[in-house]
């Protein structure tokens, strides 16, 4: 029998880490219905969903829901690039089924929020900024790692902007803009002319249909998008 005492090379270390995960709120346990509604969403923004770890939230399921076919739902989600890692909420039976399907059970922790009414919503500055002066064409993807992204030209439909920090667009945005892609919920998107296919902050997103409804209450001009109490907000810049 060998002892760990005297071993010169360590095989592993365990360290606690904090990660931000996207929450997939399951409203219906029908895997086929999930497939039908997820397919067009992923087709519109495929890169956003690739290798995206998610938590399945069961709190919004109807109370009459008991059995959940987790293997079918997991297969559906993985087929579109999402990676379910655990569940939150649900009955004891549902959690047992989740464990049998290889999912972790997360504690039902309520997110704490603070009163921000007396404080200006100021974006967290990134260490660096990446500046793009040329138009971003359809099919192009620009990623600003560990920095803000500044675009002083137009962004065509089908183009994609990603940044770990804030995104500033001093032109027309017709493509997709995803800020805080590494999980920073304090990032902002600033845009002079918003006609986006999708905008997202730290995994929380709006599609073009959502933006069209929201912009009806605003006058034309520059806007900012940010998270407040885990909900996206759209405000006019004056």
C-alpha atoms as a PDB file:
ATOM      1  CA  UNK A   1       0.000   0.000   0.000  1.00  0.00           C
ATOM      2  CA  UNK A   2       1.349   3.388  -0.976  1.00  0.00           C
ATOM      3  CA  UNK A   3       0.957   6.473   1.180  1.00  0.00           C
ATOM      4  CA  UNK A   4       0.429  10.051   0.005  1.00  0.00           C
ATOM      5  CA  UNK A   5       3.152  11.016   2.456  1.00  0.00           C
ATOM      6  CA  UNK A   6       6.310  11.748   0.569  1.00  0.00           C
ATOM      7  CA  UNK A   7       4.608  12.052  -2.827  1.00  0.00           C
ATOM      8  CA  UNK A   8       6.515  14.711  -4.767  1.00  0.00           C
ATOM      9  CA  UNK A   9       3.899  15.461  -7.433  1.00  0.00           C
ATOM     10  CA  UNK A  10       0.327  16.563  -6.704  1.00  0.00           C
ATOM     11  CA  UNK A  11      -2.428  15.242  -8.965  1.00  0.00           C
ATOM     12  CA  UNK A  12      -5.017  17.960  -8.232  1.00  0.00           C
ATOM     13  CA  UNK A  13      -6.120  20.833  -6.014  1.00  0.00           C
ATOM     14  CA  UNK A  14      -9.611  21.854  -4.967  1.00  0.00           C
ATOM     15  CA  UNK A  15     -10.362  25.571  -4.870  1.00  0.00           C
ATOM     16  CA  UNK A  16     -13.629  27.433  -4.504  1.00  0.00           C
ATOM     17  CA  UNK A  17     -14.479  29.672  -7.470  1.00  0.00           C
ATOM     18  CA  UNK A  18     -17.374  31.957  -8.346  1.00  0.00           C
ATOM     19  CA  UNK A  19     -18.914  31.801 -11.820  1.00  0.00           C
ATOM     20  CA  UNK A  20     -21.944  33.440 -13.411  1.00  0.00           C
ATOM     21  CA  UNK A  21     -24.290  30.951 -15.092  1.00  0.00           C
ATOM     22  CA  UNK A  22     -27.238  31.626 -17.357  1.00  0.00           C
ATOM     23  CA  UNK A  23     -30.568  30.477 -15.919  1.00  0.00           C
ATOM     24  CA  UNK A  24     -32.960  28.601 -18.208  1.00  0.00           C
ATOM     25  CA  UNK A  25     -36.426  29.081 -16.687  1.00  0.00           C
ATOM     26  CA  UNK A  26     -38.399  25.982 -17.634  1.00  0.00           C
ATOM     27  CA  UNK A  27     -42.058  26.961 -18.090  1.00  0.00           C
ATOM     28  CA  UNK A  28     -43.194  23.663 -19.599  1.00  0.00           C
ATOM     29  CA  UNK A  29     -41.697  20.180 -19.200  1.00  0.00           C
ATOM     30  CA  UNK A  30     -42.600  19.138 -22.761  1.00  0.00           C
ATOM     31  CA  UNK A  31     -39.221  18.565 -24.449  1.00  0.00           C
ATOM     32  CA  UNK A  32     -40.781  18.799 -27.918  1.00  0.00           C
ATOM     33  CA  UNK A  33     -42.254  22.213 -27.113  1.00  0.00           C
ATOM     34  CA  UNK A  34     -38.874  23.380 -25.808  1.00  0.00           C
ATOM     35  CA  UNK A  35     -37.299  22.180 -29.060  1.00  0.00           C
ATOM     36  CA  UNK A  36     -39.854  23.993 -31.232  1.00  0.00           C
ATOM     37  CA  UNK A  37     -39.403  27.324 -29.445  1.00  0.00           C
ATOM     38  CA  UNK A  38     -35.637  27.107 -28.945  1.00  0.00           C
ATOM     39  CA  UNK A  39     -34.799  26.238 -32.558  1.00  0.00           C
ATOM     40  CA  UNK A  40     -35.628  29.642 -34.154  1.00  0.00           C
ATOM     41  CA  UNK A  41     -33.956  31.485 -31.281  1.00  0.00           C
ATOM     42  CA  UNK A  42     -30.685  29.590 -31.693  1.00  0.00           C
ATOM     43  CA  UNK A  43     -30.797  29.958 -35.479  1.00  0.00           C
ATOM     44  CA  UNK A  44     -30.964  33.729 -35.058  1.00  0.00           C
ATOM     45  CA  UNK A  45     -27.997  33.930 -32.658  1.00  0.00           C
ATOM     46  CA  UNK A  46     -26.046  30.646 -32.904  1.00  0.00           C
ATOM     47  CA  UNK A  47     -22.750  31.818 -31.390  1.00  0.00           C
ATOM     48  CA  UNK A  48     -24.467  33.107 -28.274  1.00  0.00           C
ATOM     49  CA  UNK A  49     -25.598  29.602 -27.301  1.00  0.00           C
ATOM     50  CA  UNK A  50     -22.520  27.559 -28.195  1.00  0.00           C
ATOM     51  CA  UNK A  51     -20.965  25.848 -25.141  1.00  0.00           C
ATOM     52  CA  UNK A  52     -23.196  27.901 -22.825  1.00  0.00           C
ATOM     53  CA  UNK A  53     -23.481  26.344 -19.332  1.00  0.00           C
ATOM     54  CA  UNK A  54     -26.960  26.794 -17.880  1.00  0.00           C
ATOM     55  CA  UNK A  55     -28.981  26.111 -14.755  1.00  0.00           C
ATOM     56  CA  UNK A  56     -32.491  24.707 -15.178  1.00  0.00           C
ATOM     57  CA  UNK A  57     -34.867  26.695 -12.986  1.00  0.00           C
ATOM     58  CA  UNK A  58     -37.997  24.680 -12.105  1.00  0.00           C
ATOM     59  CA  UNK A  59     -39.791  27.299 -10.013  1.00  0.00           C
ATOM     60  CA  UNK A  60     -42.002  28.468 -12.895  1.00  0.00           C
ATOM     61  CA  UNK A  61     -43.343  25.035 -13.817  1.00  0.00           C
ATOM     62  CA  UNK A  62     -47.096  24.532 -13.256  1.00  0.00           C
ATOM     63  CA  UNK A  63     -47.830  22.994  -9.865  1.00  0.00           C
ATOM     64  CA  UNK A  64     -49.478  19.995 -11.558  1.00  0.00           C
ATOM     65  CA  UNK A  65     -46.162  19.082 -13.220  1.00  0.00           C
ATOM     66  CA  UNK A  66     -44.625  16.097 -11.498  1.00  0.00           C
ATOM     67  CA  UNK A  67     -42.625  13.907 -13.854  1.00  0.00           C
ATOM     68  CA  UNK A  68     -39.936  15.595 -15.964  1.00  0.00           C
ATOM     69  CA  UNK A  69     -38.186  13.728 -18.758  1.00  0.00           C
ATOM     70  CA  UNK A  70     -34.751  15.176 -18.000  1.00  0.00           C
ATOM     71  CA  UNK A  71     -32.867  12.975 -20.515  1.00  0.00           C
ATOM     72  CA  UNK A  72     -35.088  14.301 -23.335  1.00  0.00           C
ATOM     73  CA  UNK A  73     -34.729  17.924 -22.206  1.00  0.00           C
ATOM     74  CA  UNK A  74     -30.959  17.588 -21.720  1.00  0.00           C
ATOM     75  CA  UNK A  75     -30.616  16.009 -25.167  1.00  0.00           C
ATOM     76  CA  UNK A  76     -32.622  18.856 -26.701  1.00  0.00           C
ATOM     77  CA  UNK A  77     -30.563  21.562 -25.004  1.00  0.00           C
ATOM     78  CA  UNK A  78     -27.222  19.922 -25.797  1.00  0.00           C
ATOM     79  CA  UNK A  79     -28.308  19.596 -29.409  1.00  0.00           C
ATOM     80  CA  UNK A  80     -28.360  23.394 -29.576  1.00  0.00           C
ATOM     81  CA  UNK A  81     -25.049  23.902 -27.778  1.00  0.00           C
ATOM     82  CA  UNK A  82     -26.349  24.546 -24.257  1.00  0.00           C
ATOM     83  CA  UNK A  83     -24.814  22.549 -21.403  1.00  0.00           C
ATOM     84  CA  UNK A  84     -27.152  21.924 -18.425  1.00  0.00           C
ATOM     85  CA  UNK A  85     -25.109  21.545 -15.237  1.00  0.00           C
ATOM     86  CA  UNK A  86     -27.766  21.568 -12.533  1.00  0.00           C
ATOM     87  CA  UNK A  87     -31.289  22.426 -11.427  1.00  0.00           C
ATOM     88  CA  UNK A  88     -32.788  24.847  -8.958  1.00  0.00           C
ATOM     89  CA  UNK A  89     -36.167  24.387  -7.308  1.00  0.00           C
ATOM     90  CA  UNK A  90     -38.627  21.611  -8.051  1.00  0.00           C
ATOM     91  CA  UNK A  91     -40.160  18.864  -5.945  1.00  0.00           C
ATOM     92  CA  UNK A  92     -38.222  16.104  -4.200  1.00  0.00           C
ATOM     93  CA  UNK A  93     -39.228  13.679  -6.960  1.00  0.00           C
ATOM     94  CA  UNK A  94     -38.103  16.092  -9.688  1.00  0.00           C
ATOM     95  CA  UNK A  95     -34.766  16.620  -7.976  1.00  0.00           C
ATOM     96  CA  UNK A  96     -34.286  12.857  -7.676  1.00  0.00           C
ATOM     97  CA  UNK A  97     -34.907  12.516 -11.419  1.00  0.00           C
ATOM     98  CA  UNK A  98     -32.434  15.332 -12.053  1.00  0.00           C
ATOM     99  CA  UNK A  99     -29.742  13.598  -9.980  1.00  0.00           C
ATOM    100  CA  UNK A 100     -30.352  10.345 -11.862  1.00  0.00           C
ATOM    101  CA  UNK A 101     -29.752  12.293 -15.083  1.00  0.00           C
ATOM    102  CA  UNK A 102     -26.396  13.578 -13.848  1.00  0.00           C
ATOM    103  CA  UNK A 103     -27.484  17.085 -12.844  1.00  0.00           C
ATOM    104  CA  UNK A 104     -26.435  18.867  -9.680  1.00  0.00           C
ATOM    105  CA  UNK A 105     -28.960  20.326  -7.233  1.00  0.00           C
ATOM    106  CA  UNK A 106     -28.382  23.985  -6.429  1.00  0.00           C
ATOM    107  CA  UNK A 107     -29.551  25.590  -3.215  1.00  0.00           C
ATOM    108  CA  UNK A 108     -32.586  27.833  -3.529  1.00  0.00           C
ATOM    109  CA  UNK A 109     -30.713  31.027  -2.767  1.00  0.00           C
ATOM    110  CA  UNK A 110     -32.574  34.267  -3.270  1.00  0.00           C
ATOM    111  CA  UNK A 111     -30.494  36.855  -5.038  1.00  0.00           C
ATOM    112  CA  UNK A 112     -29.808  39.842  -2.824  1.00  0.00           C
ATOM    113  CA  UNK A 113     -30.351  43.240  -4.393  1.00  0.00           C
ATOM    114  CA  UNK A 114     -29.455  46.695  -3.216  1.00  0.00           C
ATOM    115  CA  UNK A 115     -31.290  49.969  -3.572  1.00  0.00           C
ATOM    116  CA  UNK A 116     -29.715  51.818  -6.470  1.00  0.00           C
ATOM    117  CA  UNK A 117     -32.193  54.691  -6.682  1.00  0.00           C
ATOM    118  CA  UNK A 118     -29.823  57.137  -5.016  1.00  0.00           C
ATOM    119  CA  UNK A 119     -26.741  56.029  -6.945  1.00  0.00           C
ATOM    120  CA  UNK A 120     -25.977  56.665 -10.612  1.00  0.00           C
ATOM    121  CA  UNK A 121     -25.772  53.542 -12.728  1.00  0.00           C
ATOM    122  CA  UNK A 122     -22.126  53.862 -13.750  1.00  0.00           C
ATOM    123  CA  UNK A 123     -20.523  51.103 -15.843  1.00  0.00           C
ATOM    124  CA  UNK A 124     -17.482  49.342 -14.459  1.00  0.00           C
ATOM    125  CA  UNK A 125     -14.466  50.462 -16.482  1.00  0.00           C
ATOM    126  CA  UNK A 126     -12.409  47.799 -18.198  1.00  0.00           C
ATOM    127  CA  UNK A 127      -8.625  47.789 -18.165  1.00  0.00           C
ATOM    128  CA  UNK A 128      -8.299  48.403 -21.896  1.00  0.00           C
ATOM    129  CA  UNK A 129     -10.437  49.457 -24.847  1.00  0.00           C
ATOM    130  CA  UNK A 130     -10.517  47.971 -28.327  1.00  0.00           C
ATOM    131  CA  UNK A 131     -11.257  50.541 -31.035  1.00  0.00           C
ATOM    132  CA  UNK A 132     -12.774  49.619 -34.413  1.00  0.00           C
ATOM    133  CA  UNK A 133     -12.981  52.388 -37.010  1.00  0.00           C
ATOM    134  CA  UNK A 134     -14.211  50.381 -40.004  1.00  0.00           C
ATOM    135  CA  UNK A 135     -17.783  49.131 -40.613  1.00  0.00           C
ATOM    136  CA  UNK A 136     -18.440  45.652 -39.225  1.00  0.00           C
ATOM    137  CA  UNK A 137     -19.798  43.511 -42.050  1.00  0.00           C
ATOM    138  CA  UNK A 138     -22.303  40.661 -41.976  1.00  0.00           C
ATOM    139  CA  UNK A 139     -20.662  37.439 -40.770  1.00  0.00           C
ATOM    140  CA  UNK A 140     -17.867  39.237 -38.910  1.00  0.00           C
ATOM    141  CA  UNK A 141     -17.335  38.661 -35.195  1.00  0.00           C
ATOM    142  CA  UNK A 142     -15.287  41.027 -33.041  1.00  0.00           C
ATOM    143  CA  UNK A 143     -14.369  40.074 -29.475  1.00  0.00           C
ATOM    144  CA  UNK A 144     -12.808  42.480 -26.975  1.00  0.00           C
ATOM    145  CA  UNK A 145     -11.264  40.212 -24.340  1.00  0.00           C
ATOM    146  CA  UNK A 146     -10.929  41.775 -20.876  1.00  0.00           C
ATOM    147  CA  UNK A 147     -11.746  45.178 -22.323  1.00  0.00           C
ATOM    148  CA  UNK A 148     -14.373  47.568 -23.625  1.00  0.00           C
ATOM    149  CA  UNK A 149     -15.254  47.569 -27.311  1.00  0.00           C
ATOM    150  CA  UNK A 150     -15.679  50.884 -29.142  1.00  0.00           C
ATOM    151  CA  UNK A 151     -17.144  50.955 -32.651  1.00  0.00           C
ATOM    152  CA  UNK A 152     -17.194  54.273 -34.530  1.00  0.00           C
ATOM    153  CA  UNK A 153     -18.887  52.863 -37.623  1.00  0.00           C
ATOM    154  CA  UNK A 154     -22.009  50.911 -38.546  1.00  0.00           C
ATOM    155  CA  UNK A 155     -22.638  47.257 -37.639  1.00  0.00           C
ATOM    156  CA  UNK A 156     -24.449  45.281 -40.344  1.00  0.00           C
ATOM    157  CA  UNK A 157     -27.117  42.598 -39.820  1.00  0.00           C
ATOM    158  CA  UNK A 158     -25.439  39.260 -39.119  1.00  0.00           C
ATOM    159  CA  UNK A 159     -22.377  40.880 -37.523  1.00  0.00           C
ATOM    160  CA  UNK A 160     -21.595  40.137 -33.884  1.00  0.00           C
ATOM    161  CA  UNK A 161     -19.879  42.231 -31.215  1.00  0.00           C
ATOM    162  CA  UNK A 162     -18.686  40.610 -27.985  1.00  0.00           C
ATOM    163  CA  UNK A 163     -16.858  42.185 -25.064  1.00  0.00           C
ATOM    164  CA  UNK A 164     -15.957  41.286 -21.513  1.00  0.00           C
ATOM    165  CA  UNK A 165     -16.471  44.979 -20.748  1.00  0.00           C
ATOM    166  CA  UNK A 166     -18.822  47.641 -22.105  1.00  0.00           C
ATOM    167  CA  UNK A 167     -19.746  48.127 -25.759  1.00  0.00           C
ATOM    168  CA  UNK A 168     -19.985  51.598 -27.335  1.00  0.00           C
ATOM    169  CA  UNK A 169     -21.431  51.930 -30.842  1.00  0.00           C
ATOM    170  CA  UNK A 170     -21.184  55.399 -32.414  1.00  0.00           C
ATOM    171  CA  UNK A 171     -23.142  54.367 -35.471  1.00  0.00           C
ATOM    172  CA  UNK A 172     -26.079  52.199 -36.503  1.00  0.00           C
ATOM    173  CA  UNK A 173     -26.283  48.789 -34.795  1.00  0.00           C
ATOM    174  CA  UNK A 174     -28.174  46.275 -36.922  1.00  0.00           C
ATOM    175  CA  UNK A 175     -26.288  43.176 -35.794  1.00  0.00           C
ATOM    176  CA  UNK A 176     -25.788  41.655 -32.347  1.00  0.00           C
ATOM    177  CA  UNK A 177     -24.033  43.138 -29.306  1.00  0.00           C
ATOM    178  CA  UNK A 178     -23.156  41.061 -26.233  1.00  0.00           C
ATOM    179  CA  UNK A 179     -21.435  42.829 -23.334  1.00  0.00           C
ATOM    180  CA  UNK A 180     -20.140  41.230 -20.151  1.00  0.00           C
ATOM    181  CA  UNK A 181     -19.746  37.865 -21.878  1.00  0.00           C
ATOM    182  CA  UNK A 182     -17.434  36.644 -19.103  1.00  0.00           C
ATOM    183  CA  UNK A 183     -20.183  37.292 -16.542  1.00  0.00           C
ATOM    184  CA  UNK A 184     -19.710  40.944 -15.532  1.00  0.00           C
ATOM    185  CA  UNK A 185     -23.244  42.148 -14.761  1.00  0.00           C
ATOM    186  CA  UNK A 186     -22.147  45.785 -14.376  1.00  0.00           C
ATOM    187  CA  UNK A 187     -21.382  46.295 -18.051  1.00  0.00           C
ATOM    188  CA  UNK A 188     -23.397  48.525 -20.392  1.00  0.00           C
ATOM    189  CA  UNK A 189     -24.185  48.815 -24.077  1.00  0.00           C
ATOM    190  CA  UNK A 190     -24.257  52.376 -25.429  1.00  0.00           C
ATOM    191  CA  UNK A 191     -25.655  52.944 -28.908  1.00  0.00           C
ATOM    192  CA  UNK A 192     -26.482  55.988 -31.010  1.00  0.00           C
ATOM    193  CA  UNK A 193     -28.877  54.184 -33.353  1.00  0.00           C
ATOM    194  CA  UNK A 194     -30.299  50.905 -32.068  1.00  0.00           C
ATOM    195  CA  UNK A 195     -31.793  48.492 -34.614  1.00  0.00           C
ATOM    196  CA  UNK A 196     -30.170  45.349 -33.206  1.00  0.00           C
ATOM    197  CA  UNK A 197     -30.996  41.707 -33.845  1.00  0.00           C
ATOM    198  CA  UNK A 198     -29.983  40.928 -30.265  1.00  0.00           C
ATOM    199  CA  UNK A 199     -28.437  42.677 -27.277  1.00  0.00           C
ATOM    200  CA  UNK A 200     -27.198  40.914 -24.154  1.00  0.00           C
ATOM    201  CA  UNK A 201     -25.603  41.737 -20.817  1.00  0.00           C
ATOM    202  CA  UNK A 202     -23.957  38.837 -18.957  1.00  0.00           C
ATOM    203  CA  UNK A 203     -26.267  36.275 -20.553  1.00  0.00           C
ATOM    204  CA  UNK A 204     -29.502  38.280 -20.201  1.00  0.00           C
ATOM    205  CA  UNK A 205     -30.734  39.102 -23.682  1.00  0.00           C
ATOM    206  CA  UNK A 206     -33.379  40.869 -25.752  1.00  0.00           C
ATOM    207  CA  UNK A 207     -34.255  40.029 -29.339  1.00  0.00           C
ATOM    208  CA  UNK A 208     -35.221  42.545 -32.013  1.00  0.00           C
ATOM    209  CA  UNK A 209     -38.934  42.038 -31.273  1.00  0.00           C
ATOM    210  CA  UNK A 210     -38.392  42.939 -27.606  1.00  0.00           C
ATOM    211  CA  UNK A 211     -36.422  46.040 -28.547  1.00  0.00           C
ATOM    212  CA  UNK A 212     -39.041  47.247 -31.015  1.00  0.00           C
ATOM    213  CA  UNK A 213     -41.732  47.130 -28.329  1.00  0.00           C
ATOM    214  CA  UNK A 214     -39.536  48.922 -25.788  1.00  0.00           C
ATOM    215  CA  UNK A 215     -38.365  51.635 -28.176  1.00  0.00           C
ATOM    216  CA  UNK A 216     -41.918  52.728 -28.899  1.00  0.00           C
ATOM    217  CA  UNK A 217     -41.824  54.563 -25.564  1.00  0.00           C
ATOM    218  CA  UNK A 218     -38.575  56.384 -26.430  1.00  0.00           C
ATOM    219  CA  UNK A 219     -37.688  59.157 -28.819  1.00  0.00           C
ATOM    220  CA  UNK A 220     -35.032  58.528 -31.446  1.00  0.00           C
ATOM    221  CA  UNK A 221     -31.470  58.965 -30.261  1.00  0.00           C
ATOM    222  CA  UNK A 222     -28.755  57.428 -28.139  1.00  0.00           C
ATOM    223  CA  UNK A 223     -29.679  54.767 -25.583  1.00  0.00           C
ATOM    224  CA  UNK A 224     -28.005  52.639 -22.954  1.00  0.00           C
ATOM    225  CA  UNK A 225     -28.779  49.051 -21.964  1.00  0.00           C
ATOM    226  CA  UNK A 226     -27.809  47.671 -18.572  1.00  0.00           C
ATOM    227  CA  UNK A 227     -28.831  45.211 -15.862  1.00  0.00           C
ATOM    228  CA  UNK A 228     -30.726  46.247 -12.759  1.00  0.00           C
ATOM    229  CA  UNK A 229     -31.802  43.588 -10.262  1.00  0.00           C
ATOM    230  CA  UNK A 230     -31.087  40.924 -12.913  1.00  0.00           C
ATOM    231  CA  UNK A 231     -33.436  42.570 -15.434  1.00  0.00           C
ATOM    232  CA  UNK A 232     -32.381  44.363 -18.585  1.00  0.00           C
ATOM    233  CA  UNK A 233     -33.157  48.070 -18.712  1.00  0.00           C
ATOM    234  CA  UNK A 234     -33.302  50.424 -21.700  1.00  0.00           C
ATOM    235  CA  UNK A 235     -32.921  54.154 -21.102  1.00  0.00           C
ATOM    236  CA  UNK A 236     -32.530  57.212 -23.257  1.00  0.00           C
ATOM    237  CA  UNK A 237     -29.220  59.064 -23.080  1.00  0.00           C
ATOM    238  CA  UNK A 238     -29.734  62.793 -22.731  1.00  0.00           C
END
